[in-house]
Amino acid sequence: MKFEDLHVGLPVRIAKGHGSGYGGKQGVVIGVGESVTLDKKQVIIGASVEIGGVFLVLIEAEFLDLVSEGKLPPGWSEFEV
């Protein structure tokens, strides 16, 4: 996905095999921008993604795919058991 296409509230899926360990998970974009890693050696340009209302992960834009599946009813969320 292109960085320019990211916006808050967009449902996305993280690409399988992503280095964060959350590949294949679905979430919602809650922030867009750039961030510097703690060791200050890398700048990540992408989105903050909320996964299941619990996890917050910063993911590079090229590793995000738009989720075009039907929305779940209010109060429901996708998760793995």
Protein backbone atom coordinates (compact mmCIF):
# COMPACT_ATOMS: atom_id res chain seq x y z
CA MET A 1 0.00 0.00 0.00
CA LYS A 2 1.22 3.53 -0.69
CA PHE A 3 1.90 5.85 2.23
CA GLU A 4 -0.30 8.49 0.59
CA ASP A 5 -3.30 6.11 0.74
CA LEU A 6 -3.09 5.57 4.51
CA HIS A 7 -5.53 7.40 6.77
CA VAL A 8 -6.94 7.03 10.27
CA GLY A 9 -9.75 4.47 10.53
CA LEU A 10 -8.62 2.42 7.51
CA PRO A 11 -8.96 -1.36 8.07
CA VAL A 12 -5.70 -3.08 7.06
CA ARG A 13 -3.98 -6.46 7.16
CA ILE A 14 -0.25 -6.76 7.86
CA ALA A 15 1.63 -8.74 5.20
CA LYS A 16 2.53 -12.31 6.17
CA GLY A 17 6.15 -12.68 7.20
CA HIS A 18 6.51 -9.10 8.50
CA GLY A 19 9.40 -8.77 10.95
CA SER A 20 7.12 -7.56 13.77
CA GLY A 21 5.70 -11.06 14.19
CA TYR A 22 2.17 -9.78 13.50
CA GLY A 23 2.08 -10.80 9.82
CA GLY A 24 -1.40 -11.81 8.67
CA LYS A 25 -3.13 -9.93 11.50
CA GLN A 26 -5.92 -7.47 10.77
CA GLY A 27 -6.20 -4.09 12.44
CA VAL A 28 -7.18 -0.45 12.11
CA VAL A 29 -4.90 2.49 11.34
CA ILE A 30 -4.93 4.92 14.27
CA GLY A 31 -2.04 7.14 13.20
CA VAL A 32 0.03 7.91 10.10
CA GLY A 33 3.51 9.40 9.92
CA GLU A 34 7.14 8.61 10.53
CA SER A 35 8.96 7.41 13.60
CA VAL A 36 12.58 6.82 14.57
CA THR A 37 13.55 3.49 16.15
CA LEU A 38 14.85 3.52 19.72
CA ASP A 39 18.43 3.06 18.55
CA LYS A 40 17.93 6.07 16.21
CA LYS A 41 19.31 4.11 13.25
CA GLN A 42 16.12 3.69 11.21
CA VAL A 43 13.16 5.87 10.26
CA ILE A 44 9.90 3.99 9.72
CA ILE A 45 7.38 5.69 7.44
CA GLY A 46 3.99 4.05 7.83
CA ALA A 47 1.09 3.66 10.19
CA SER A 48 0.35 2.83 13.80
CA VAL A 49 -2.00 -0.15 13.66
CA GLU A 50 -4.27 -1.23 16.50
CA ILE A 51 -4.78 -5.00 16.50
CA GLY A 52 -7.83 -6.26 18.35
CA GLY A 53 -8.00 -3.20 20.57
CA VAL A 54 -4.91 -4.34 22.46
CA PHE A 55 -1.72 -4.19 20.41
CA LEU A 56 -0.25 -1.08 18.83
CA VAL A 57 2.32 -1.76 16.12
CA LEU A 58 4.18 0.63 13.80
CA ILE A 59 4.19 -0.93 10.32
CA GLU A 60 5.81 0.28 7.11
CA ALA A 61 3.26 1.30 4.46
CA GLU A 62 4.48 -1.27 1.91
CA PHE A 63 3.61 -4.10 4.32
CA LEU A 64 -0.06 -3.08 4.70
CA ASP A 65 -2.95 -4.26 2.55
CA LEU A 66 -6.46 -2.82 2.50
CA VAL A 67 -9.07 -5.12 4.03
CA SER A 68 -12.09 -5.10 1.77
CA GLU A 69 -14.04 -7.79 3.62
CA GLY A 70 -17.38 -6.93 5.16
CA LYS A 71 -17.27 -5.11 8.47
CA LEU A 72 -18.10 -6.91 11.68
CA PRO A 73 -21.03 -5.67 13.76
CA PRO A 74 -20.22 -2.99 16.37
CA GLY A 75 -18.51 -4.48 19.41
CA TRP A 76 -17.04 -7.45 17.50
CA SER A 77 -13.38 -7.97 16.62
CA GLU A 78 -11.31 -10.57 14.77
CA PHE A 79 -8.85 -12.52 16.92
CA GLU A 80 -7.06 -15.86 16.98
CA VAL A 81 -7.59 -18.45 19.69
